[in-house]
Amino acid sequence: MLKSSSRPLPPQWLLLTILAGLGMVGPFSIDTIFPAFAQLAVDLDTSPLALQQLISVYLLSFAAMSLFHGPLSDALGRKPVILAGSALFVLSSLACALAPNLTWLLIGRAAQGLSAGAGQIISRAMVRDIFTGDKAQRVMAEIAMIFGLAPALAPIVGGWLLVHGDWRGIFWFMTGLGVVLMLLVWFFLPETHPRADRTPLRVGPLFHSLWEVWRDRNGRRLALAGMVNFAGMFLYISSAPMFVVELLGMGEQDFWVLFVPLISGMVIGSWTSGRLAGRISGRRLATIGYWVSLGGGALNLALMLVPAAQTTPWAVLLLPVYTFGVALAFPILTLAMLDLFPANRGAASSVQSFVSLVFNALIAGALAPAVAFSLPTLAGTTLALTVIGYLMWRRHLTVTALEPHVPPDPQSYEPTDEM
């Protein structure tokens, strides 16, 4: 159900497109450069391991700033923080396009990470500002479906840009993407967090709100469960240069071989999650999602243990099944976290994003290089991560079933004319 508003929202298709577009900035910033790794290694005279730090540096700075995007939006409003983040993303992408060496490129990537999370984190809080109940789950799933296209499209776009130019063209593209999103937010996205509901912008309360989210055992458990839910898929994403080029023996135009199967399952799973909202309880649907991921992951490992199957299409055959399950659970985990803290949704979204991003940075910088030397080790590590996530989710269900349920305080949606 849509919360009451003092003026009409933009058409839902436009609202969803803007919110999903803001969320797509992060994956695009990661995955678009994968096809350029070989060219970057030659042009900047560096190693593949050093280039992997272009992902880790981005994710670490993304994670550090993610702690502040949400609380800042709780204090200043959602729209101003998104606009400021978009402006910094444009400038940092421009700096990357002009970088003369790896050091400056790493600095530009760090600045990209500081800015890219504003839209991704705050857009989740905006969904909960505007929608309630099953409608919120459907909208979150629709956004996840659009957002899920980014990792599949990004390496394809990156490869296409390399055909028509060099690696700098990828960062010029990101600059243009940032400008387009900033204009869409400026002209069409309403402010969803009115002044009356905002918290004071003081350093002490800001850190206190983050600490209150983390010290809550249910919030901490959900943040960790959400972290591991996506980790197996991100292990494949961050291993893409090794998976496609070294393990499958393909080229820089062939990253779609991995990303299309990965993301097709994610998109279909998100669509299914939205369609089942209100028909199956969120808890049961998330559990089903984990079962599907566990089944897909186990079958994928069994297949990869067969030497004859370590090539296409067998190497990617079961990945859509795995990511379908991930996508079924994702909207429920996100909304469950936000609903625990109705007065501090921005802080809750920040904490949830922070733990996931720090773990993703460790995956990209350490775990992926350590396990992506063979298809069986990659599949086995992915399955192990999924088992950990499922056990965390089962623990959450058991603990919360024994606790009294306190419904979140209702909040009305009153868009303002603020920018």
Protein backbone atom coordinates (compact mmCIF):
# COMPACT_ATOMS: atom_id res chain seq x y z
CA MET A 1 0.00 0.00 0.00
CA LEU A 2 1.29 3.45 -0.91
CA LYS A 3 1.64 5.83 1.97
CA SER A 4 -0.29 9.07 1.84
CA SER A 5 1.35 12.01 0.08
CA SER A 6 0.72 15.71 -0.20
CA ARG A 7 1.48 15.71 -3.92
CA PRO A 8 1.58 12.95 -6.51
CA LEU A 9 4.66 10.83 -7.01
CA PRO A 10 6.18 10.55 -10.47
CA PRO A 11 4.85 7.60 -12.52
CA GLN A 12 5.87 4.36 -10.86
CA TRP A 13 7.90 3.20 -13.86
CA LEU A 14 9.96 6.41 -13.67
CA LEU A 15 10.36 6.19 -9.88
CA LEU A 16 11.53 2.57 -10.11
CA THR A 17 13.87 3.37 -13.00
CA ILE A 18 15.55 6.20 -11.07
CA LEU A 19 15.89 4.19 -7.84
CA ALA A 20 17.18 1.13 -9.70
CA GLY A 21 19.52 3.31 -11.75
CA LEU A 22 21.01 4.73 -8.56
CA GLY A 23 21.58 1.19 -7.34
CA MET A 24 23.18 0.17 -10.66
CA VAL A 25 26.03 2.68 -10.30
CA GLY A 26 27.90 0.40 -7.88
CA PRO A 27 27.86 -2.77 -10.02
CA PHE A 28 28.60 -0.78 -13.17
CA SER A 29 31.63 0.77 -11.50
CA ILE A 30 32.93 -2.69 -10.62
CA ASP A 31 32.09 -4.84 -13.63
CA THR A 32 32.56 -2.49 -16.58
CA ILE A 33 36.34 -2.47 -16.17
CA PHE A 34 36.80 -6.27 -16.10
CA PRO A 35 37.27 -6.61 -19.88
CA ALA A 36 39.94 -3.88 -19.74
CA PHE A 37 42.24 -5.71 -17.30
CA ALA A 38 44.52 -7.07 -20.03
CA GLN A 39 44.80 -3.64 -21.66
CA LEU A 40 45.35 -1.94 -18.29
CA ALA A 41 48.14 -4.39 -17.41
CA VAL A 42 50.04 -3.45 -20.57
CA ASP A 43 49.27 0.28 -20.56
CA LEU A 44 50.09 0.78 -16.87
CA ASP A 45 52.83 -1.88 -16.74
CA THR A 46 51.35 -3.74 -13.78
CA SER A 47 50.25 -7.26 -12.74
CA PRO A 48 46.78 -8.84 -12.64
CA LEU A 49 47.01 -9.03 -8.83
CA ALA A 50 47.67 -5.28 -8.64
CA LEU A 51 44.75 -4.63 -10.96
CA GLN A 52 42.50 -6.68 -8.67
CA GLN A 53 43.08 -3.91 -6.11
CA LEU A 54 41.10 -1.58 -8.37
CA ILE A 55 38.11 -3.55 -7.09
CA SER A 56 39.24 -3.85 -3.47
CA VAL A 57 40.10 -0.14 -3.08
CA TYR A 58 36.75 0.82 -4.58
CA LEU A 59 34.84 -1.52 -2.27
CA LEU A 60 36.72 -0.51 0.88
CA SER A 61 36.08 3.20 0.33
CA PHE A 62 32.49 2.37 -0.63
CA ALA A 63 32.13 0.47 2.65
CA ALA A 64 33.69 3.21 4.78
CA MET A 65 31.40 5.91 3.38
CA SER A 66 28.36 3.65 3.44
CA LEU A 67 28.29 4.10 7.21
CA PHE A 68 27.54 7.80 6.71
CA HIS A 69 25.24 7.97 3.68
CA GLY A 70 22.25 6.61 5.58
CA PRO A 71 22.58 8.68 8.78
CA LEU A 72 23.29 11.81 6.71
CA SER A 73 20.07 11.21 4.79
CA ASP A 74 18.21 10.71 8.11
CA ALA A 75 19.44 14.17 9.16
CA LEU A 76 19.54 16.19 5.91
CA GLY A 77 16.95 14.45 3.75
CA ARG A 78 17.37 11.76 1.13
CA LYS A 79 17.61 13.89 -2.00
CA PRO A 80 20.42 16.32 -1.02
CA VAL A 81 22.74 13.46 -0.05
CA ILE A 82 22.04 11.58 -3.30
CA LEU A 83 22.74 14.72 -5.34
CA ALA A 84 26.01 15.39 -3.50
CA GLY A 85 27.10 11.78 -3.98
CA SER A 86 26.22 11.87 -7.68
CA ALA A 87 28.24 15.05 -8.19
CA LEU A 88 31.30 13.50 -6.52
CA PHE A 89 30.88 10.35 -8.62
CA VAL A 90 30.98 12.43 -11.80
CA LEU A 91 34.17 14.21 -10.70
CA SER A 92 35.92 11.01 -9.58
CA SER A 93 35.01 9.19 -12.81
CA LEU A 94 36.49 12.10 -14.73
CA ALA A 95 39.66 11.81 -12.63
CA CYS A 96 39.91 8.09 -13.48
CA ALA A 97 39.51 8.82 -17.19
CA LEU A 98 42.46 11.24 -17.00
CA ALA A 99 44.66 9.17 -14.64
CA PRO A 100 48.31 9.05 -15.88
CA ASN A 101 49.31 5.95 -13.86
CA LEU A 102 48.03 3.20 -11.56
CA THR A 103 48.50 5.24 -8.39
CA TRP A 104 46.25 8.03 -9.62
CA LEU A 105 43.77 5.51 -10.96
CA LEU A 106 43.57 3.88 -7.54
CA ILE A 107 42.97 7.29 -5.94
CA GLY A 108 40.20 7.97 -8.45
CA ARG A 109 38.68 4.56 -7.74
CA ALA A 110 38.72 5.28 -4.01
CA ALA A 111 36.87 8.55 -4.64
CA GLN A 112 34.36 6.68 -6.82
CA GLY A 113 33.73 4.30 -3.95
CA LEU A 114 33.16 7.16 -1.51
CA SER A 115 30.39 8.52 -3.73
CA ALA A 116 28.75 5.59 -5.50
CA GLY A 117 27.00 4.23 -2.42
CA ALA A 118 24.83 7.29 -1.80
CA GLY A 119 22.16 6.34 -4.30
CA GLN A 120 22.34 2.60 -3.69
CA ILE A 121 21.96 2.84 0.09
CA ILE A 122 19.51 5.72 0.30
CA SER A 123 17.24 4.37 -2.44
CA ARG A 124 16.46 1.37 -0.20
CA ALA A 125 15.41 3.68 2.63
CA MET A 126 13.28 5.67 0.18
CA VAL A 127 11.33 2.55 -0.80
CA ARG A 128 10.42 2.02 2.87
CA ASP A 129 9.61 5.75 3.24
CA ILE A 130 7.04 5.48 0.46
CA PHE A 131 5.61 1.96 0.54
CA THR A 132 4.33 -0.41 3.21
CA GLY A 133 3.46 -4.09 3.49
CA ASP A 134 3.44 -6.41 0.50
CA LYS A 135 3.72 -3.42 -1.83
CA ALA A 136 7.13 -2.61 -0.36
CA GLN A 137 8.32 -6.17 -1.02
CA ARG A 138 7.03 -6.04 -4.61
CA VAL A 139 8.67 -2.68 -5.27
CA MET A 140 11.96 -3.79 -3.69
CA ALA A 141 11.87 -6.91 -5.87
CA GLU A 142 11.15 -4.88 -9.02
CA ILE A 143 14.06 -2.57 -8.24
CA ALA A 144 16.28 -5.58 -7.58
CA MET A 145 15.21 -7.00 -10.96
CA ILE A 146 16.25 -3.83 -12.81
CA PHE A 147 19.32 -3.43 -10.62
CA GLY A 148 20.25 -7.04 -11.35
CA LEU A 149 20.71 -6.26 -15.02
CA ALA A 150 23.74 -4.08 -14.24
CA PRO A 151 26.33 -6.84 -13.60
CA ALA A 152 25.28 -8.57 -16.84
CA LEU A 153 25.26 -5.42 -18.96
CA ALA A 154 28.38 -3.81 -17.47
CA PRO A 155 31.07 -6.15 -18.88
CA ILE A 156 29.26 -6.25 -22.22
CA VAL A 157 29.26 -2.45 -22.31
CA GLY A 158 32.92 -2.44 -21.21
CA GLY A 159 33.89 -4.84 -23.99
CA TRP A 160 31.97 -2.80 -26.57
CA LEU A 161 33.67 0.41 -25.43
CA LEU A 162 37.07 -1.27 -25.80
CA VAL A 163 36.25 -2.12 -29.41
CA HIS A 164 35.74 1.57 -30.12
CA GLY A 165 38.48 2.99 -27.88
CA ASP A 166 40.71 2.24 -24.89
CA TRP A 167 40.10 1.71 -21.18
CA ARG A 168 39.71 5.46 -20.58
CA GLY A 169 36.47 5.38 -22.57
CA ILE A 170 34.95 3.22 -19.82
CA PHE A 171 35.46 5.99 -17.27
CA TRP A 172 34.15 8.62 -19.69
CA PHE A 173 31.03 6.45 -19.94
CA MET A 174 30.73 6.38 -16.13
CA THR A 175 31.05 10.16 -16.09
CA GLY A 176 28.13 10.47 -18.49
CA LEU A 177 26.06 7.95 -16.51
CA GLY A 178 26.58 9.99 -13.36
CA VAL A 179 25.46 13.20 -15.09
CA VAL A 180 22.27 11.56 -16.41
CA LEU A 181 21.33 10.16 -13.00
CA MET A 182 22.03 13.47 -11.27
CA LEU A 183 19.66 15.25 -13.67
CA LEU A 184 16.94 12.62 -13.19
CA VAL A 185 17.19 12.93 -9.41
CA TRP A 186 17.19 16.73 -9.55
CA PHE A 187 14.09 17.04 -11.71
CA PHE A 188 11.97 13.98 -10.91
CA LEU A 189 12.81 12.36 -7.57
CA PRO A 190 10.80 13.76 -4.61
CA GLU A 191 12.12 14.18 -1.09
CA THR A 192 10.66 11.31 0.94
CA HIS A 193 12.00 12.16 4.40
CA PRO A 194 10.30 15.35 5.65
CA ARG A 195 11.92 17.74 8.13
CA ALA A 196 9.63 16.68 10.97
CA ASP A 197 11.05 13.13 10.88
CA ARG A 198 14.73 14.05 10.60
CA THR A 199 17.36 13.51 13.28
CA PRO A 200 19.84 16.23 14.30
CA LEU A 201 23.11 16.23 12.37
CA ARG A 202 25.59 15.77 15.19
CA VAL A 203 28.58 13.46 15.20
CA GLY A 204 27.68 11.83 18.50
CA PRO A 205 24.09 10.89 17.60
CA LEU A 206 25.21 9.87 14.11
CA PHE A 207 27.64 7.26 15.45
CA HIS A 208 25.17 6.37 18.18
CA SER A 209 22.49 5.49 15.60
CA LEU A 210 24.94 3.22 13.79
CA TRP A 211 26.00 1.59 17.04
CA GLU A 212 22.39 1.05 18.11
CA VAL A 213 21.74 -0.81 14.86
CA TRP A 214 24.85 -2.96 15.19
CA ARG A 215 24.44 -3.77 18.91
CA ASP A 216 20.91 -5.05 18.33
CA ARG A 217 21.44 -8.80 18.03
CA ASN A 218 18.63 -9.25 15.50
CA GLY A 219 19.93 -6.38 13.37
CA ARG A 220 23.49 -7.68 13.54
CA ARG A 221 22.37 -11.19 12.60
CA LEU A 222 20.33 -9.93 9.63
CA ALA A 223 23.23 -7.77 8.45
CA LEU A 224 25.55 -10.78 8.50
CA ALA A 225 22.95 -13.04 6.85
CA GLY A 226 22.49 -10.50 4.06
CA MET A 227 26.26 -10.24 3.70
CA VAL A 228 26.72 -13.96 3.14
CA ASN A 229 23.58 -14.29 0.99
CA PHE A 230 25.23 -12.33 -1.82
CA ALA A 231 28.83 -13.40 -1.15
CA GLY A 232 28.80 -16.55 -3.27
CA MET A 233 27.53 -14.68 -6.30
CA PHE A 234 30.06 -11.88 -5.74
CA LEU A 235 32.86 -14.45 -5.58
CA TYR A 236 32.05 -15.40 -9.17
CA ILE A 237 31.71 -11.74 -10.19
CA SER A 238 35.06 -10.71 -8.68
CA SER A 239 36.71 -13.80 -10.20
CA ALA A 240 35.43 -12.91 -13.68
CA PRO A 241 38.83 -12.06 -15.27
CA MET A 242 40.30 -15.36 -14.04
CA PHE A 243 37.14 -17.39 -14.72
CA VAL A 244 36.59 -16.19 -18.30
CA VAL A 245 40.15 -15.67 -19.53
CA GLU A 246 42.22 -18.23 -17.62
CA LEU A 247 39.83 -21.05 -16.69
CA LEU A 248 37.66 -20.97 -19.83
CA GLY A 249 40.33 -19.64 -22.22
CA MET A 250 38.14 -16.88 -23.68
CA GLY A 251 38.74 -13.19 -24.50
CA GLU A 252 37.74 -9.70 -23.41
CA GLN A 253 34.54 -9.79 -25.52
CA ASP A 254 33.33 -13.01 -23.83
CA PHE A 255 32.49 -11.90 -20.29
CA TRP A 256 28.80 -12.26 -21.13
CA VAL A 257 29.34 -16.04 -20.94
CA LEU A 258 29.56 -15.70 -17.14
CA PHE A 259 27.45 -12.64 -16.45
CA VAL A 260 24.35 -13.47 -18.50
CA PRO A 261 23.72 -16.79 -16.67
CA LEU A 262 24.52 -15.22 -13.28
CA ILE A 263 22.22 -12.28 -13.75
CA SER A 264 19.40 -14.04 -15.59
CA GLY A 265 18.79 -16.10 -12.46
CA MET A 266 18.96 -12.94 -10.35
CA VAL A 267 16.44 -11.07 -12.51
CA ILE A 268 13.98 -13.98 -12.71
CA GLY A 269 14.33 -14.58 -8.97
CA SER A 270 13.61 -10.93 -8.19
CA TRP A 271 10.56 -10.98 -10.46
CA THR A 272 9.30 -14.15 -8.78
CA SER A 273 9.86 -12.68 -5.30
CA GLY A 274 7.73 -9.69 -6.24
CA ARG A 275 4.94 -11.85 -7.69
CA LEU A 276 4.81 -14.02 -4.57
CA ALA A 277 4.61 -11.07 -2.14
CA GLY A 278 1.44 -11.46 -0.10
CA ARG A 279 0.92 -15.06 -1.23
CA ILE A 280 3.80 -16.60 0.68
CA SER A 281 5.15 -15.14 3.91
CA GLY A 282 8.46 -13.36 3.59
CA ARG A 283 10.14 -15.71 6.06
CA ARG A 284 9.07 -18.79 4.13
CA LEU A 285 10.02 -17.26 0.79
CA ALA A 286 13.52 -16.39 2.02
CA THR A 287 13.91 -19.94 3.34
CA ILE A 288 12.86 -21.35 -0.04
CA GLY A 289 15.41 -19.05 -1.65
CA TYR A 290 18.17 -20.50 0.51
CA TRP A 291 17.05 -24.06 -0.31
CA VAL A 292 17.24 -23.27 -4.03
CA SER A 293 20.71 -21.73 -3.64
CA LEU A 294 21.94 -24.70 -1.64
CA GLY A 295 20.59 -27.15 -4.20
CA GLY A 296 22.01 -25.21 -7.15
CA GLY A 297 25.35 -24.75 -5.42
CA ALA A 298 25.65 -28.44 -4.51
CA LEU A 299 24.80 -29.59 -8.05
CA ASN A 300 27.25 -27.04 -9.48
CA LEU A 301 30.06 -28.40 -7.29
CA ALA A 302 29.25 -32.00 -8.27
CA LEU A 303 29.32 -31.04 -11.95
CA MET A 304 32.61 -29.16 -11.65
CA LEU A 305 34.26 -32.24 -10.14
CA VAL A 306 33.83 -33.93 -13.52
CA PRO A 307 36.82 -32.90 -15.71
CA ALA A 308 34.83 -33.18 -18.95
CA ALA A 309 32.31 -30.64 -17.63
CA GLN A 310 34.90 -27.92 -16.92
CA THR A 311 34.05 -25.95 -20.03
CA THR A 312 31.08 -24.09 -21.46
CA PRO A 313 28.16 -24.47 -21.18
CA TRP A 314 28.56 -26.82 -18.20
CA ALA A 315 30.70 -24.38 -16.19
CA VAL A 316 27.82 -21.87 -16.06
CA LEU A 317 24.84 -24.19 -16.47
CA LEU A 318 23.68 -24.16 -12.83
CA LEU A 319 24.65 -20.61 -11.92
CA PRO A 320 21.17 -19.24 -12.81
CA VAL A 321 19.62 -21.73 -10.37
CA TYR A 322 21.98 -20.56 -7.64
CA THR A 323 21.36 -16.84 -8.21
CA PHE A 324 17.59 -17.40 -8.53
CA GLY A 325 17.62 -18.49 -4.90
CA VAL A 326 19.80 -15.54 -3.88
CA ALA A 327 17.31 -13.14 -5.46
CA LEU A 328 14.29 -14.76 -3.80
CA ALA A 329 15.76 -14.05 -0.37
CA PHE A 330 17.37 -10.64 -1.00
CA PRO A 331 14.28 -8.34 -0.76
CA ILE A 332 13.06 -10.06 2.41
CA LEU A 333 16.43 -9.75 4.15
CA THR A 334 16.65 -6.07 3.19
CA LEU A 335 13.14 -5.16 4.33
CA ALA A 336 13.46 -7.18 7.54
CA MET A 337 16.53 -5.12 8.44
CA LEU A 338 14.82 -1.81 7.70
CA ASP A 339 11.69 -2.76 9.63
CA LEU A 340 13.69 -3.36 12.79
CA PHE A 341 14.62 0.36 12.90
CA PRO A 342 11.71 2.46 11.56
CA ALA A 343 13.14 5.70 13.00
CA ASN A 344 16.65 5.07 11.63
CA ARG A 345 16.17 3.34 8.29
CA GLY A 346 19.10 5.19 6.77
CA ALA A 347 21.42 3.95 9.54
CA ALA A 348 20.06 0.40 9.19
CA SER A 349 20.65 0.46 5.43
CA SER A 350 24.17 1.81 6.01
CA VAL A 351 25.11 -0.91 8.48
CA GLN A 352 23.70 -3.62 6.21
CA SER A 353 25.63 -2.26 3.24
CA PHE A 354 28.82 -1.71 5.23
CA VAL A 355 29.24 -5.30 6.40
CA SER A 356 28.46 -6.63 2.91
CA LEU A 357 30.90 -4.26 1.24
CA VAL A 358 33.76 -4.98 3.63
CA PHE A 359 33.27 -8.69 3.06
CA ASN A 360 33.05 -8.17 -0.71
CA ALA A 361 36.31 -6.23 -0.61
CA LEU A 362 37.96 -9.16 1.17
CA ILE A 363 36.50 -11.51 -1.42
CA ALA A 364 37.81 -9.42 -4.32
CA GLY A 365 41.24 -8.75 -2.84
CA ALA A 366 42.02 -12.05 -1.11
CA LEU A 367 39.47 -14.85 -1.47
CA ALA A 368 38.94 -14.68 -5.24
CA PRO A 369 42.68 -14.79 -6.10
CA ALA A 370 43.10 -17.63 -3.59
CA VAL A 371 40.32 -19.96 -4.83
CA ALA A 372 39.74 -19.04 -8.49
CA PHE A 373 42.59 -21.23 -9.73
CA SER A 374 40.10 -23.99 -10.59
CA LEU A 375 36.39 -24.41 -11.21
CA PRO A 376 35.88 -26.98 -8.39
CA THR A 377 37.47 -24.75 -5.72
CA LEU A 378 35.38 -21.78 -6.90
CA ALA A 379 32.17 -23.85 -6.78
CA GLY A 380 33.06 -25.38 -3.41
CA THR A 381 33.80 -22.03 -1.77
CA THR A 382 30.53 -20.62 -3.10
CA LEU A 383 28.59 -23.53 -1.61
CA ALA A 384 30.36 -23.12 1.75
CA LEU A 385 29.39 -19.44 1.90
CA THR A 386 25.78 -20.34 1.13
CA VAL A 387 25.68 -22.92 3.92
CA ILE A 388 26.91 -20.29 6.39
CA GLY A 389 24.23 -17.84 5.23
CA TYR A 390 21.48 -20.43 5.55
CA LEU A 391 22.55 -21.36 9.10
CA MET A 392 22.47 -17.66 10.08
CA TRP A 393 18.97 -17.28 8.61
CA ARG A 394 17.71 -20.39 10.42
CA ARG A 395 19.14 -19.03 13.66
CA HIS A 396 17.34 -15.74 13.09
CA LEU A 397 14.03 -17.52 12.51
CA THR A 398 14.45 -19.59 15.65
CA VAL A 399 15.39 -16.67 17.90
CA THR A 400 12.75 -14.23 16.65
CA ALA A 401 10.01 -16.87 16.87
CA LEU A 402 10.61 -16.93 20.63
CA GLU A 403 10.49 -13.13 21.02
CA PRO A 404 7.34 -10.98 21.18
CA HIS A 405 6.67 -9.11 17.97
CA VAL A 406 6.58 -5.32 18.26
CA PRO A 407 5.30 -3.80 15.01
CA PRO A 408 7.21 -0.77 13.70
CA ASP A 409 5.68 2.63 14.20
CA PRO A 410 3.73 3.77 11.13
CA GLN A 411 5.23 6.75 9.32
CA SER A 412 3.37 8.83 6.79
CA TYR A 413 4.92 9.86 3.53
CA GLU A 414 4.91 13.59 3.05
CA PRO A 415 7.06 14.61 0.09
CA THR A 416 8.47 18.10 0.24
CA ASP A 417 9.71 20.48 -2.40
CA GLU A 418 13.24 20.41 -1.01
CA MET A 419 16.09 19.42 -3.29
